[in-house]
Amino acid sequence: MTFNKTLKKISLVGIAAVVALTFNLQAQAQNSESVSNYRKAHAELLAKQSRVKDQIKVEESQRYAKDLYGEVEPEPDIYNEGWDSGIVNPWKNAEVPATKQIDVSKYVMPVKWNMVTSHYGYRPRFGRVHKGVDLKANVGDTVRAAFDGKVRLTRFERGGYGFYVIVRHENGLETVYGHLSRFLVQPDQYVKAGTPIALSGNTGRSTGPHLHFETRFMGVAINPEAIFDFENRVTHTDIFTFNKSKYTESRSYTPRKSYTASSKSTHQSSHKSSGNHKSAGTHKKSKRRR
């Protein structure tokens, strides 16, 4: 009897041990599975984060490339968009002549820098034309009238030009100066070429300090680089010939390489053979910088 009881106890202990071992093995299996699932989930999370970081790098590189090549959104045209054309553009219904001789011999460069940071031209990304040039300038640099004339407007336009000045000149042109920080003149004030009219800035739609500069004839936005050689701080010719079919084209008489004695004959021969420059006037070979 005692033996049977002992055997029964041993059997119960064995069964309990087996049950405990089974539960322990199941728990270990579940724990291993949990660790495996955690590691898998963690690996997937890291992969997603890596893809996000790579996407951010790609987007940053794209933005940098666009900034590097000046692909910034042009200012809305104040002569056509969002403004009373009767005030901003008094030539809305006027007939613009096919050609016009314009005297640009008495000029002063609008800022002290000679660097164009964004050229005139169509911007496919925005479906709009940049109707001037952007010139390097720091906030607070003096902006000067390019020619003799009278200040017509000093205004603010939040979505584009910021603070801007329009000067009508005696030679028939109008010049526009945008993204200013301060006006130094008032409407109807007469100014000479070189008179300080404003301080440059970063107002309106601007990605950094610069001067937006336009040259217009009867409301038509002429490529400023058709008139000015900004690098050498001169006008290309004393007389600029406005042409309705060519006013968007720039001109350049500046050699692509540095001018040296060895390249003198090559430069002169190439200049003489450039017949397309004649219609715009005679190129001034030696002209004082202003």
Foldseek 3Di string as FASTA:
>chain_A
DVVVVVVVVVVVVVVVVVVVVVVVVVVVVVVVVVVVVVVVVVVVVVVVVVVVVVVVVVVVVVVVVCQQQVLDDAFPDQCPPDHDVVQVQVLPPPDDDQKDKFFQQFFFQFFPALDFSAFWAARVVNRDTNLETWADDAFFTFTWATAWFFWADFDADAAHFGTKTWTQHPRQKIKMKGQFDFAPDDGRDTDGHGDGGGTWHAGHPGPHTTITMFIDHSSHTAGVQQFDNSNQQHGQARIAMDGPVDRPDHDDLDDPDDDDPVCVVVSVVVVVPPPVCVVGHDGDPDDDHD
